């Protein structure tokens, strides 16, 4: 995704989810903030009016609204602040107008609660839940947990992410996805087998000094043997 790219809002959401693009996520976040603030006036909003809105609206008002629109729905779904919260935009540019608040955290418990609500049609409402599930349907190359051969014939609704840190004084060769300070990798997946077997897995690992994609794949195989 480049700064000059133009997409529909749904396409931005797809880029956000399918390839974990932070720039796309910030665009979606910005548009959600504008929708919440402007209501029906959003439908006729011009880029110039959007820019003026951010420049003229007090920072504390923007910060509180941006925090509410992404966190209040989670609380309404029964997901606590310590299970999942977002403290700000995914890129640094919006910091000119919107401050961060409360820090960010995600846990397997919070993600599992969200996935269950989505599958029940209660992530906001049934249409919203279905659209979120559509966005999670994996059509690209399957990686990490979803790479397990046991899932080859299954539909998978999948996201994976990593967060790692290297101390190169301890190991100058510490590389990507192989942190030696911490090396978190998470996988969230809804599996639907052709025979009707369906289940959800949310997990987080912290395997130091190596890319744990293989461990996630082996876990997927072991879990599927138990459940299917």
C-alpha atoms as a PDB file:
ATOM      1  CA  UNK A   1       0.000   0.000   0.000  1.00  0.00           C
ATOM      2  CA  UNK A   2       1.389   3.391  -1.046  1.00  0.00           C
ATOM      3  CA  UNK A   3       0.422   6.876   0.119  1.00  0.00           C
ATOM      4  CA  UNK A   4      -1.111   7.734  -3.250  1.00  0.00           C
ATOM      5  CA  UNK A   5      -3.305   4.609  -3.431  1.00  0.00           C
ATOM      6  CA  UNK A   6      -7.065   5.054  -3.595  1.00  0.00           C
ATOM      7  CA  UNK A   7      -9.503   2.282  -2.681  1.00  0.00           C
ATOM      8  CA  UNK A   8     -13.068   1.872  -1.556  1.00  0.00           C
ATOM      9  CA  UNK A   9     -13.493   1.667   2.198  1.00  0.00           C
ATOM     10  CA  UNK A  10     -14.210  -2.064   1.965  1.00  0.00           C
ATOM     11  CA  UNK A  11     -10.997  -2.555  -0.022  1.00  0.00           C
ATOM     12  CA  UNK A  12      -9.071  -0.667   2.662  1.00  0.00           C
ATOM     13  CA  UNK A  13     -10.618  -3.008   5.240  1.00  0.00           C
ATOM     14  CA  UNK A  14      -9.549  -5.986   3.138  1.00  0.00           C
ATOM     15  CA  UNK A  15      -5.965  -4.701   2.964  1.00  0.00           C
ATOM     16  CA  UNK A  16      -6.064  -4.162   6.728  1.00  0.00           C
ATOM     17  CA  UNK A  17      -7.163  -7.718   7.482  1.00  0.00           C
ATOM     18  CA  UNK A  18      -5.694  -9.805   4.676  1.00  0.00           C
ATOM     19  CA  UNK A  19      -2.111  -8.544   4.835  1.00  0.00           C
ATOM     20  CA  UNK A  20      -2.094  -6.810   8.237  1.00  0.00           C
ATOM     21  CA  UNK A  21      -1.257  -3.457   6.657  1.00  0.00           C
ATOM     22  CA  UNK A  22      -0.969  -0.788   9.353  1.00  0.00           C
ATOM     23  CA  UNK A  23      -1.508   2.065   6.917  1.00  0.00           C
ATOM     24  CA  UNK A  24      -4.776   0.536   5.738  1.00  0.00           C
ATOM     25  CA  UNK A  25      -5.817  -0.006   9.354  1.00  0.00           C
ATOM     26  CA  UNK A  26      -5.261   3.675  10.101  1.00  0.00           C
ATOM     27  CA  UNK A  27      -7.379   4.659   7.096  1.00  0.00           C
ATOM     28  CA  UNK A  28     -10.242   2.444   8.295  1.00  0.00           C
ATOM     29  CA  UNK A  29      -9.861   3.818  11.833  1.00  0.00           C
ATOM     30  CA  UNK A  30      -9.917   7.399  10.525  1.00  0.00           C
ATOM     31  CA  UNK A  31     -13.055   6.796   8.491  1.00  0.00           C
ATOM     32  CA  UNK A  32     -14.809   5.134  11.435  1.00  0.00           C
ATOM     33  CA  UNK A  33     -13.985   8.181  13.546  1.00  0.00           C
ATOM     34  CA  UNK A  34     -15.396  10.503  10.896  1.00  0.00           C
ATOM     35  CA  UNK A  35     -18.578   8.422  10.613  1.00  0.00           C
ATOM     36  CA  UNK A  36     -19.106   8.517  14.367  1.00  0.00           C
ATOM     37  CA  UNK A  37     -18.507  12.256  14.561  1.00  0.00           C
ATOM     38  CA  UNK A  38     -20.412  13.423  11.491  1.00  0.00           C
ATOM     39  CA  UNK A  39     -23.255  10.945  11.091  1.00  0.00           C
ATOM     40  CA  UNK A  40     -25.089  11.313   7.775  1.00  0.00           C
ATOM     41  CA  UNK A  41     -22.886  14.266   6.807  1.00  0.00           C
ATOM     42  CA  UNK A  42     -20.095  11.721   6.315  1.00  0.00           C
ATOM     43  CA  UNK A  43     -21.768  10.585   3.088  1.00  0.00           C
ATOM     44  CA  UNK A  44     -21.014  13.904   1.362  1.00  0.00           C
ATOM     45  CA  UNK A  45     -17.716  14.628   3.106  1.00  0.00           C
ATOM     46  CA  UNK A  46     -14.907  15.978   0.924  1.00  0.00           C
ATOM     47  CA  UNK A  47     -11.182  15.433   1.608  1.00  0.00           C
ATOM     48  CA  UNK A  48     -10.839  19.137   2.398  1.00  0.00           C
ATOM     49  CA  UNK A  49     -13.671  18.993   4.937  1.00  0.00           C
ATOM     50  CA  UNK A  50     -12.145  15.904   6.494  1.00  0.00           C
ATOM     51  CA  UNK A  51      -8.797  17.641   6.914  1.00  0.00           C
ATOM     52  CA  UNK A  52     -10.478  20.703   8.396  1.00  0.00           C
ATOM     53  CA  UNK A  53     -12.405  18.540  10.864  1.00  0.00           C
ATOM     54  CA  UNK A  54      -9.209  17.090  12.290  1.00  0.00           C
ATOM     55  CA  UNK A  55      -7.473  20.458  12.427  1.00  0.00           C
ATOM     56  CA  UNK A  56     -10.350  22.281  14.119  1.00  0.00           C
ATOM     57  CA  UNK A  57     -11.667  19.652  16.556  1.00  0.00           C
ATOM     58  CA  UNK A  58     -10.016  19.762  20.015  1.00  0.00           C
ATOM     59  CA  UNK A  59      -7.445  17.024  20.550  1.00  0.00           C
ATOM     60  CA  UNK A  60      -9.077  15.694  23.720  1.00  0.00           C
ATOM     61  CA  UNK A  61     -12.422  15.326  21.940  1.00  0.00           C
ATOM     62  CA  UNK A  62     -10.831  13.414  19.072  1.00  0.00           C
ATOM     63  CA  UNK A  63      -8.875  11.232  21.486  1.00  0.00           C
ATOM     64  CA  UNK A  64     -11.909  10.313  23.575  1.00  0.00           C
ATOM     65  CA  UNK A  65     -14.041   9.575  20.520  1.00  0.00           C
ATOM     66  CA  UNK A  66     -11.340   7.506  18.823  1.00  0.00           C
ATOM     67  CA  UNK A  67     -10.910   5.484  22.012  1.00  0.00           C
ATOM     68  CA  UNK A  68     -14.648   4.935  22.431  1.00  0.00           C
ATOM     69  CA  UNK A  69     -15.457   3.772  18.909  1.00  0.00           C
ATOM     70  CA  UNK A  70     -13.006   0.865  19.009  1.00  0.00           C
ATOM     71  CA  UNK A  71     -13.261  -0.116  22.670  1.00  0.00           C
ATOM     72  CA  UNK A  72     -16.900   0.396  23.679  1.00  0.00           C
ATOM     73  CA  UNK A  73     -18.185  -2.315  21.295  1.00  0.00           C
ATOM     74  CA  UNK A  74     -15.759  -4.795  22.865  1.00  0.00           C
ATOM     75  CA  UNK A  75     -17.072  -4.007  26.343  1.00  0.00           C
ATOM     76  CA  UNK A  76     -20.626  -4.492  25.100  1.00  0.00           C
ATOM     77  CA  UNK A  77     -19.598  -7.959  23.901  1.00  0.00           C
ATOM     78  CA  UNK A  78     -18.328  -8.825  27.371  1.00  0.00           C
ATOM     79  CA  UNK A  79     -14.635  -8.436  26.517  1.00  0.00           C
ATOM     80  CA  UNK A  80     -12.878  -6.688  29.387  1.00  0.00           C
ATOM     81  CA  UNK A  81     -10.295  -3.927  29.165  1.00  0.00           C
ATOM     82  CA  UNK A  82      -7.566  -6.331  30.289  1.00  0.00           C
ATOM     83  CA  UNK A  83      -8.551  -8.891  27.658  1.00  0.00           C
ATOM     84  CA  UNK A  84      -8.496  -6.596  24.629  1.00  0.00           C
ATOM     85  CA  UNK A  85      -8.139  -2.865  24.184  1.00  0.00           C
ATOM     86  CA  UNK A  86      -6.715  -0.501  21.597  1.00  0.00           C
ATOM     87  CA  UNK A  87      -5.002   2.657  22.734  1.00  0.00           C
ATOM     88  CA  UNK A  88      -4.494   4.486  19.454  1.00  0.00           C
ATOM     89  CA  UNK A  89      -3.887   4.484  15.719  1.00  0.00           C
ATOM     90  CA  UNK A  90      -1.566   1.969  14.066  1.00  0.00           C
ATOM     91  CA  UNK A  91       0.733   4.574  12.502  1.00  0.00           C
ATOM     92  CA  UNK A  92       2.421   7.735  13.777  1.00  0.00           C
ATOM     93  CA  UNK A  93       0.867  10.322  11.451  1.00  0.00           C
ATOM     94  CA  UNK A  94      -2.446  10.667  13.322  1.00  0.00           C
ATOM     95  CA  UNK A  95      -0.524  11.617  16.484  1.00  0.00           C
ATOM     96  CA  UNK A  96      -0.671  15.198  15.189  1.00  0.00           C
ATOM     97  CA  UNK A  97      -4.382  15.225  16.007  1.00  0.00           C
ATOM     98  CA  UNK A  98      -5.219  12.225  18.204  1.00  0.00           C
ATOM     99  CA  UNK A  99      -3.382  11.136  21.348  1.00  0.00           C
ATOM    100  CA  UNK A 100      -2.939   7.581  22.536  1.00  0.00           C
ATOM    101  CA  UNK A 101      -4.874   6.523  25.603  1.00  0.00           C
ATOM    102  CA  UNK A 102      -4.704   3.576  27.965  1.00  0.00           C
ATOM    103  CA  UNK A 103      -2.257   1.421  26.031  1.00  0.00           C
ATOM    104  CA  UNK A 104      -3.037  -1.590  23.867  1.00  0.00           C
ATOM    105  CA  UNK A 105      -3.325  -5.254  24.746  1.00  0.00           C
ATOM    106  CA  UNK A 106      -4.684  -8.408  23.187  1.00  0.00           C
ATOM    107  CA  UNK A 107      -5.114 -11.829  24.759  1.00  0.00           C
ATOM    108  CA  UNK A 108      -6.274 -15.222  23.493  1.00  0.00           C
ATOM    109  CA  UNK A 109      -9.258 -15.000  25.856  1.00  0.00           C
ATOM    110  CA  UNK A 110     -10.359 -11.662  24.429  1.00  0.00           C
ATOM    111  CA  UNK A 111      -9.928 -12.871  20.871  1.00  0.00           C
ATOM    112  CA  UNK A 112     -11.814 -16.095  21.588  1.00  0.00           C
ATOM    113  CA  UNK A 113     -14.725 -14.127  23.019  1.00  0.00           C
ATOM    114  CA  UNK A 114     -14.785 -12.000  19.872  1.00  0.00           C
ATOM    115  CA  UNK A 115     -14.654 -15.010  17.551  1.00  0.00           C
ATOM    116  CA  UNK A 116     -17.512 -16.708  19.399  1.00  0.00           C
ATOM    117  CA  UNK A 117     -19.611 -13.541  19.222  1.00  0.00           C
ATOM    118  CA  UNK A 118     -18.827 -13.226  15.521  1.00  0.00           C
ATOM    119  CA  UNK A 119     -19.898 -16.803  14.874  1.00  0.00           C
ATOM    120  CA  UNK A 120     -23.090 -16.212  16.861  1.00  0.00           C
ATOM    121  CA  UNK A 121     -23.843 -13.115  14.787  1.00  0.00           C
ATOM    122  CA  UNK A 122     -23.413 -10.860  17.810  1.00  0.00           C
ATOM    123  CA  UNK A 123     -20.259  -8.937  16.889  1.00  0.00           C
ATOM    124  CA  UNK A 124     -22.333  -5.733  16.731  1.00  0.00           C
ATOM    125  CA  UNK A 125     -25.069  -7.499  14.717  1.00  0.00           C
ATOM    126  CA  UNK A 126     -25.545 -10.368  12.266  1.00  0.00           C
ATOM    127  CA  UNK A 127     -24.654  -8.438   9.060  1.00  0.00           C
ATOM    128  CA  UNK A 128     -21.507  -6.984  10.666  1.00  0.00           C
ATOM    129  CA  UNK A 129     -20.490 -10.414  11.951  1.00  0.00           C
ATOM    130  CA  UNK A 130     -20.905 -11.933   8.501  1.00  0.00           C
ATOM    131  CA  UNK A 131     -18.835  -9.211   6.832  1.00  0.00           C
ATOM    132  CA  UNK A 132     -16.069  -9.666   9.399  1.00  0.00           C
ATOM    133  CA  UNK A 133     -16.088 -13.407   8.779  1.00  0.00           C
ATOM    134  CA  UNK A 134     -15.901 -12.815   5.028  1.00  0.00           C
ATOM    135  CA  UNK A 135     -12.867 -10.593   5.512  1.00  0.00           C
ATOM    136  CA  UNK A 136     -11.169 -13.314   7.550  1.00  0.00           C
ATOM    137  CA  UNK A 137     -11.736 -16.047   4.949  1.00  0.00           C
ATOM    138  CA  UNK A 138      -8.265 -17.044   3.821  1.00  0.00           C
ATOM    139  CA  UNK A 139      -7.767 -17.117   0.065  1.00  0.00           C
ATOM    140  CA  UNK A 140      -4.038 -16.340   0.080  1.00  0.00           C
ATOM    141  CA  UNK A 141      -1.201 -18.766   0.780  1.00  0.00           C
ATOM    142  CA  UNK A 142      -1.761 -20.504   4.102  1.00  0.00           C
ATOM    143  CA  UNK A 143       0.944 -19.873   6.683  1.00  0.00           C
ATOM    144  CA  UNK A 144       1.798 -20.799  10.264  1.00  0.00           C
ATOM    145  CA  UNK A 145      -1.154 -22.500  11.977  1.00  0.00           C
ATOM    146  CA  UNK A 146      -3.195 -22.650   8.767  1.00  0.00           C
ATOM    147  CA  UNK A 147      -0.352 -24.410   6.918  1.00  0.00           C
ATOM    148  CA  UNK A 148      -1.144 -27.751   8.578  1.00  0.00           C
ATOM    149  CA  UNK A 149      -1.892 -30.386   5.914  1.00  0.00           C
ATOM    150  CA  UNK A 150      -4.805 -31.596   8.040  1.00  0.00           C
ATOM    151  CA  UNK A 151      -6.605 -28.357   7.186  1.00  0.00           C
ATOM    152  CA  UNK A 152      -6.107 -28.622   3.427  1.00  0.00           C
ATOM    153  CA  UNK A 153      -9.738 -29.530   2.743  1.00  0.00           C
ATOM    154  CA  UNK A 154     -11.194 -27.215   5.377  1.00  0.00           C
ATOM    155  CA  UNK A 155     -12.351 -23.635   5.036  1.00  0.00           C
ATOM    156  CA  UNK A 156     -10.271 -21.472   7.351  1.00  0.00           C
ATOM    157  CA  UNK A 157     -11.010 -17.994   8.673  1.00  0.00           C
ATOM    158  CA  UNK A 158      -7.609 -16.996   9.911  1.00  0.00           C
ATOM    159  CA  UNK A 159      -5.353 -14.247  11.212  1.00  0.00           C
ATOM    160  CA  UNK A 160      -1.862 -14.504  12.598  1.00  0.00           C
ATOM    161  CA  UNK A 161       0.491 -11.905  13.995  1.00  0.00           C
ATOM    162  CA  UNK A 162       3.872 -11.586  15.647  1.00  0.00           C
ATOM    163  CA  UNK A 163       5.635  -9.226  18.039  1.00  0.00           C
ATOM    164  CA  UNK A 164       9.279  -9.784  18.843  1.00  0.00           C
ATOM    165  CA  UNK A 165      12.339  -8.035  20.236  1.00  0.00           C
ATOM    166  CA  UNK A 166      16.023  -8.771  19.791  1.00  0.00           C
ATOM    167  CA  UNK A 167      18.941  -8.065  22.104  1.00  0.00           C
ATOM    168  CA  UNK A 168      21.826  -8.145  19.643  1.00  0.00           C
ATOM    169  CA  UNK A 169      24.379  -7.805  22.409  1.00  0.00           C
ATOM    170  CA  UNK A 170      23.378 -11.313  23.432  1.00  0.00           C
ATOM    171  CA  UNK A 171      23.040 -12.569  19.866  1.00  0.00           C
ATOM    172  CA  UNK A 172      24.198 -10.390  16.944  1.00  0.00           C
ATOM    173  CA  UNK A 173      22.424 -12.740  14.536  1.00  0.00           C
ATOM    174  CA  UNK A 174      19.001 -12.426  16.175  1.00  0.00           C
ATOM    175  CA  UNK A 175      16.616 -12.107  13.236  1.00  0.00           C
ATOM    176  CA  UNK A 176      13.053 -11.469  12.160  1.00  0.00           C
ATOM    177  CA  UNK A 177      10.382 -13.474  13.999  1.00  0.00           C
ATOM    178  CA  UNK A 178      13.092 -15.000  16.212  1.00  0.00           C
ATOM    179  CA  UNK A 179      13.380 -12.597  19.130  1.00  0.00           C
ATOM    180  CA  UNK A 180      15.518 -13.482  22.120  1.00  0.00           C
ATOM    181  CA  UNK A 181      13.900 -10.993  24.539  1.00  0.00           C
ATOM    182  CA  UNK A 182      10.361 -11.944  23.588  1.00  0.00           C
ATOM    183  CA  UNK A 183       9.000 -13.605  20.484  1.00  0.00           C
ATOM    184  CA  UNK A 184       5.220 -13.636  20.568  1.00  0.00           C
ATOM    185  CA  UNK A 185       3.247 -15.252  17.789  1.00  0.00           C
ATOM    186  CA  UNK A 186      -0.519 -15.547  17.817  1.00  0.00           C
ATOM    187  CA  UNK A 187      -2.980 -17.399  15.649  1.00  0.00           C
ATOM    188  CA  UNK A 188      -6.745 -16.983  15.519  1.00  0.00           C
ATOM    189  CA  UNK A 189      -8.638 -19.446  13.367  1.00  0.00           C
ATOM    190  CA  UNK A 190     -12.126 -20.738  12.703  1.00  0.00           C
ATOM    191  CA  UNK A 191     -11.993 -24.128  10.990  1.00  0.00           C
ATOM    192  CA  UNK A 192     -14.909 -25.564   9.011  1.00  0.00           C
ATOM    193  CA  UNK A 193     -14.449 -29.118   7.724  1.00  0.00           C
ATOM    194  CA  UNK A 194     -16.594 -30.501   4.883  1.00  0.00           C
ATOM    195  CA  UNK A 195     -18.202 -33.028   7.272  1.00  0.00           C
ATOM    196  CA  UNK A 196     -19.617 -30.200   9.405  1.00  0.00           C
ATOM    197  CA  UNK A 197     -16.961 -30.194  12.133  1.00  0.00           C
ATOM    198  CA  UNK A 198     -16.342 -26.597  13.205  1.00  0.00           C
ATOM    199  CA  UNK A 199     -14.142 -25.176  15.919  1.00  0.00           C
ATOM    200  CA  UNK A 200     -12.229 -22.050  16.935  1.00  0.00           C
ATOM    201  CA  UNK A 201      -8.659 -21.844  18.217  1.00  0.00           C
ATOM    202  CA  UNK A 202      -6.959 -18.743  19.653  1.00  0.00           C
ATOM    203  CA  UNK A 203      -3.411 -19.144  20.893  1.00  0.00           C
ATOM    204  CA  UNK A 204      -0.283 -17.178  21.699  1.00  0.00           C
ATOM    205  CA  UNK A 205       3.224 -18.572  22.022  1.00  0.00           C
ATOM    206  CA  UNK A 206       6.563 -17.140  23.104  1.00  0.00           C
ATOM    207  CA  UNK A 207       9.198 -19.449  21.626  1.00  0.00           C
ATOM    208  CA  UNK A 208      12.515 -17.610  21.862  1.00  0.00           C
ATOM    209  CA  UNK A 209      15.311 -17.576  19.290  1.00  0.00           C
ATOM    210  CA  UNK A 210      13.414 -19.157  16.402  1.00  0.00           C
ATOM    211  CA  UNK A 211      10.563 -18.563  14.005  1.00  0.00           C
ATOM    212  CA  UNK A 212       7.752 -20.534  15.624  1.00  0.00           C
ATOM    213  CA  UNK A 213       5.658 -20.904  12.458  1.00  0.00           C
ATOM    214  CA  UNK A 214       6.456 -24.617  12.452  1.00  0.00           C
ATOM    215  CA  UNK A 215       5.351 -25.004  16.067  1.00  0.00           C
ATOM    216  CA  UNK A 216       2.014 -23.412  15.211  1.00  0.00           C
ATOM    217  CA  UNK A 217       1.587 -25.763  12.271  1.00  0.00           C
ATOM    218  CA  UNK A 218       2.329 -28.802  14.454  1.00  0.00           C
ATOM    219  CA  UNK A 219      -0.091 -27.531  17.099  1.00  0.00           C
ATOM    220  CA  UNK A 220      -2.765 -27.208  14.417  1.00  0.00           C
ATOM    221  CA  UNK A 221      -2.242 -30.814  13.393  1.00  0.00           C
ATOM    222  CA  UNK A 222      -2.387 -32.071  16.981  1.00  0.00           C
ATOM    223  CA  UNK A 223      -5.488 -30.038  17.850  1.00  0.00           C
ATOM    224  CA  UNK A 224      -7.301 -31.113  14.701  1.00  0.00           C
ATOM    225  CA  UNK A 225      -6.600 -34.771  15.496  1.00  0.00           C
ATOM    226  CA  UNK A 226      -8.346 -34.258  18.837  1.00  0.00           C
ATOM    227  CA  UNK A 227     -11.331 -32.312  17.526  1.00  0.00           C
ATOM    228  CA  UNK A 228     -11.891 -33.923  14.139  1.00  0.00           C
END
